[in-house]
Amino acid sequence: MPKDTKEPTLLGVAPVANSTFNDGDKVVIALVFDEIVNSANNVTLTTTLSNSAFTLAGSLSTNVLYFVGTVSGYGGTAPTKDNILINSSENIKDMCN
């Protein structure tokens, strides 16, 4: 049986209810991966919506990780795969690693 040697890969950002956000709005961002995520220690998310990192809210043992944060600054449009940065992404592990 072949061994799984790669970690989960980000497929995209799940659509959010609003397309634009204002300063002070609470936002949940869902990242969808190609396999189940078993561990995500110290992983945060940087977006154009906030000067502060969004924190992991949960959903380990699924292929979706939820991050929560508050819009600060000027607000903006919904995050996409192209305008986010996963901090400590090397800590996102699947069930085999």
C-alpha atoms as a PDB file:
ATOM      1  CA  MET A   1       0.000   0.000   0.000  1.00  0.00           C
ATOM      2  CA  PRO A   2       1.479   3.410  -0.948  1.00  0.00           C
ATOM      3  CA  LYS A   3       2.250   5.836   1.851  1.00  0.00           C
ATOM      4  CA  ASP A   4       0.625   9.271   1.882  1.00  0.00           C
ATOM      5  CA  THR A   5       3.600  11.620   1.661  1.00  0.00           C
ATOM      6  CA  LYS A   6       1.890  14.957   1.036  1.00  0.00           C
ATOM      7  CA  GLU A   7       0.055  17.263   3.376  1.00  0.00           C
ATOM      8  CA  PRO A   8      -3.410  18.699   2.684  1.00  0.00           C
ATOM      9  CA  THR A   9      -3.521  21.182  -0.196  1.00  0.00           C
ATOM     10  CA  LEU A  10      -5.767  24.243  -0.187  1.00  0.00           C
ATOM     11  CA  LEU A  11      -8.466  23.943  -2.845  1.00  0.00           C
ATOM     12  CA  GLY A  12     -10.125  27.275  -2.175  1.00  0.00           C
ATOM     13  CA  VAL A  13     -12.077  29.579   0.071  1.00  0.00           C
ATOM     14  CA  ALA A  14     -15.735  28.710   0.562  1.00  0.00           C
ATOM     15  CA  PRO A  15     -18.120  31.485  -0.507  1.00  0.00           C
ATOM     16  CA  VAL A  16     -19.273  33.799   2.277  1.00  0.00           C
ATOM     17  CA  ALA A  17     -22.727  35.341   2.695  1.00  0.00           C
ATOM     18  CA  ASN A  18     -21.591  38.917   2.058  1.00  0.00           C
ATOM     19  CA  SER A  19     -19.348  40.049  -0.743  1.00  0.00           C
ATOM     20  CA  THR A  20     -18.212  43.263   0.963  1.00  0.00           C
ATOM     21  CA  PHE A  21     -17.378  43.979   4.584  1.00  0.00           C
ATOM     22  CA  ASN A  22     -17.168  47.069   6.762  1.00  0.00           C
ATOM     23  CA  ASP A  23     -14.905  48.003   9.635  1.00  0.00           C
ATOM     24  CA  GLY A  24     -15.984  46.086  12.758  1.00  0.00           C
ATOM     25  CA  ASP A  25     -17.798  43.260  10.940  1.00  0.00           C
ATOM     26  CA  LYS A  26     -17.230  39.778  12.367  1.00  0.00           C
ATOM     27  CA  VAL A  27     -16.242  37.348   9.612  1.00  0.00           C
ATOM     28  CA  VAL A  28     -15.904  33.570   9.381  1.00  0.00           C
ATOM     29  CA  ILE A  29     -13.673  32.287   6.581  1.00  0.00           C
ATOM     30  CA  ALA A  30     -13.791  28.620   5.567  1.00  0.00           C
ATOM     31  CA  LEU A  31     -10.784  27.088   3.815  1.00  0.00           C
ATOM     32  CA  VAL A  32     -11.408  23.877   1.870  1.00  0.00           C
ATOM     33  CA  PHE A  33      -8.601  21.308   1.554  1.00  0.00           C
ATOM     34  CA  ASP A  34      -8.191  18.250  -0.660  1.00  0.00           C
ATOM     35  CA  GLU A  35      -8.056  15.847   2.288  1.00  0.00           C
ATOM     36  CA  ILE A  36      -8.998  15.631   5.951  1.00  0.00           C
ATOM     37  CA  VAL A  37      -6.997  17.896   8.264  1.00  0.00           C
ATOM     38  CA  ASN A  38      -6.075  16.254  11.548  1.00  0.00           C
ATOM     39  CA  SER A  39      -3.817  18.924  13.047  1.00  0.00           C
ATOM     40  CA  ALA A  40      -3.372  22.673  12.568  1.00  0.00           C
ATOM     41  CA  ASN A  41      -1.376  23.894  15.561  1.00  0.00           C
ATOM     42  CA  ASN A  42      -0.736  27.657  15.706  1.00  0.00           C
ATOM     43  CA  VAL A  43      -2.206  28.231  12.233  1.00  0.00           C
ATOM     44  CA  THR A  44      -3.676  31.685  11.602  1.00  0.00           C
ATOM     45  CA  LEU A  45      -4.908  33.464   8.505  1.00  0.00           C
ATOM     46  CA  THR A  46      -3.905  36.877   7.164  1.00  0.00           C
ATOM     47  CA  THR A  47      -6.315  38.618   4.795  1.00  0.00           C
ATOM     48  CA  THR A  48      -6.770  42.029   3.255  1.00  0.00           C
ATOM     49  CA  LEU A  49      -9.779  42.499   5.575  1.00  0.00           C
ATOM     50  CA  SER A  50      -7.831  43.038   8.774  1.00  0.00           C
ATOM     51  CA  ASN A  51      -4.574  44.207  10.280  1.00  0.00           C
ATOM     52  CA  SER A  52      -4.862  41.290  12.726  1.00  0.00           C
ATOM     53  CA  ALA A  53      -4.679  37.605  11.923  1.00  0.00           C
ATOM     54  CA  PHE A  54      -7.847  35.531  11.859  1.00  0.00           C
ATOM     55  CA  THR A  55      -7.725  32.651  14.354  1.00  0.00           C
ATOM     56  CA  LEU A  56      -8.602  29.014  13.830  1.00  0.00           C
ATOM     57  CA  ALA A  57     -12.097  28.331  15.153  1.00  0.00           C
ATOM     58  CA  GLY A  58     -12.190  24.610  14.516  1.00  0.00           C
ATOM     59  CA  SER A  59     -13.268  21.737  12.308  1.00  0.00           C
ATOM     60  CA  LEU A  60     -10.311  19.421  12.617  1.00  0.00           C
ATOM     61  CA  SER A  61     -10.987  15.910  11.282  1.00  0.00           C
ATOM     62  CA  THR A  62     -12.765  17.386   8.248  1.00  0.00           C
ATOM     63  CA  ASN A  63     -11.447  18.942   5.063  1.00  0.00           C
ATOM     64  CA  VAL A  64     -12.654  22.438   6.055  1.00  0.00           C
ATOM     65  CA  LEU A  65     -10.952  24.768   8.536  1.00  0.00           C
ATOM     66  CA  TYR A  66     -12.866  27.772   9.897  1.00  0.00           C
ATOM     67  CA  PHE A  67     -11.135  31.011  10.863  1.00  0.00           C
ATOM     68  CA  VAL A  68     -12.762  33.950  12.668  1.00  0.00           C
ATOM     69  CA  GLY A  69     -11.781  37.578  12.849  1.00  0.00           C
ATOM     70  CA  THR A  70     -12.956  41.163  12.801  1.00  0.00           C
ATOM     71  CA  VAL A  71     -12.606  43.512   9.857  1.00  0.00           C
ATOM     72  CA  SER A  72     -10.319  46.410  10.704  1.00  0.00           C
ATOM     73  CA  GLY A  73      -9.183  49.303   8.607  1.00  0.00           C
ATOM     74  CA  TYR A  74     -11.113  49.984   5.450  1.00  0.00           C
ATOM     75  CA  GLY A  75     -13.036  46.747   5.020  1.00  0.00           C
ATOM     76  CA  GLY A  76     -13.018  45.162   1.625  1.00  0.00           C
ATOM     77  CA  THR A  77     -14.264  42.321  -0.498  1.00  0.00           C
ATOM     78  CA  ALA A  78     -14.631  38.650   0.322  1.00  0.00           C
ATOM     79  CA  PRO A  79     -11.355  36.735   0.604  1.00  0.00           C
ATOM     80  CA  THR A  80     -10.265  34.355  -2.134  1.00  0.00           C
ATOM     81  CA  LYS A  81      -7.503  31.796  -2.471  1.00  0.00           C
ATOM     82  CA  ASP A  82      -5.388  34.506  -4.107  1.00  0.00           C
ATOM     83  CA  ASN A  83      -5.612  37.160  -1.369  1.00  0.00           C
ATOM     84  CA  ILE A  84      -5.059  35.177   1.828  1.00  0.00           C
ATOM     85  CA  LEU A  85      -1.913  33.997   3.564  1.00  0.00           C
ATOM     86  CA  ILE A  86      -1.954  30.917   5.788  1.00  0.00           C
ATOM     87  CA  ASN A  87       0.529  31.545   8.593  1.00  0.00           C
ATOM     88  CA  SER A  88       2.375  28.419   9.825  1.00  0.00           C
ATOM     89  CA  SER A  89       0.854  26.400   6.975  1.00  0.00           C
ATOM     90  CA  GLU A  90       3.525  23.744   7.527  1.00  0.00           C
ATOM     91  CA  ASN A  91       1.560  22.797  10.672  1.00  0.00           C
ATOM     92  CA  ILE A  92      -1.476  21.686   8.668  1.00  0.00           C
ATOM     93  CA  LYS A  93      -1.238  17.902   8.805  1.00  0.00           C
ATOM     94  CA  ASP A  94      -3.400  15.065   7.592  1.00  0.00           C
ATOM     95  CA  MET A  95      -4.226  11.870   9.444  1.00  0.00           C
ATOM     96  CA  CYS A  96      -1.186  10.007   8.095  1.00  0.00           C
ATOM     97  CA  ASN A  97       1.521  12.508   9.022  1.00  0.00           C
END
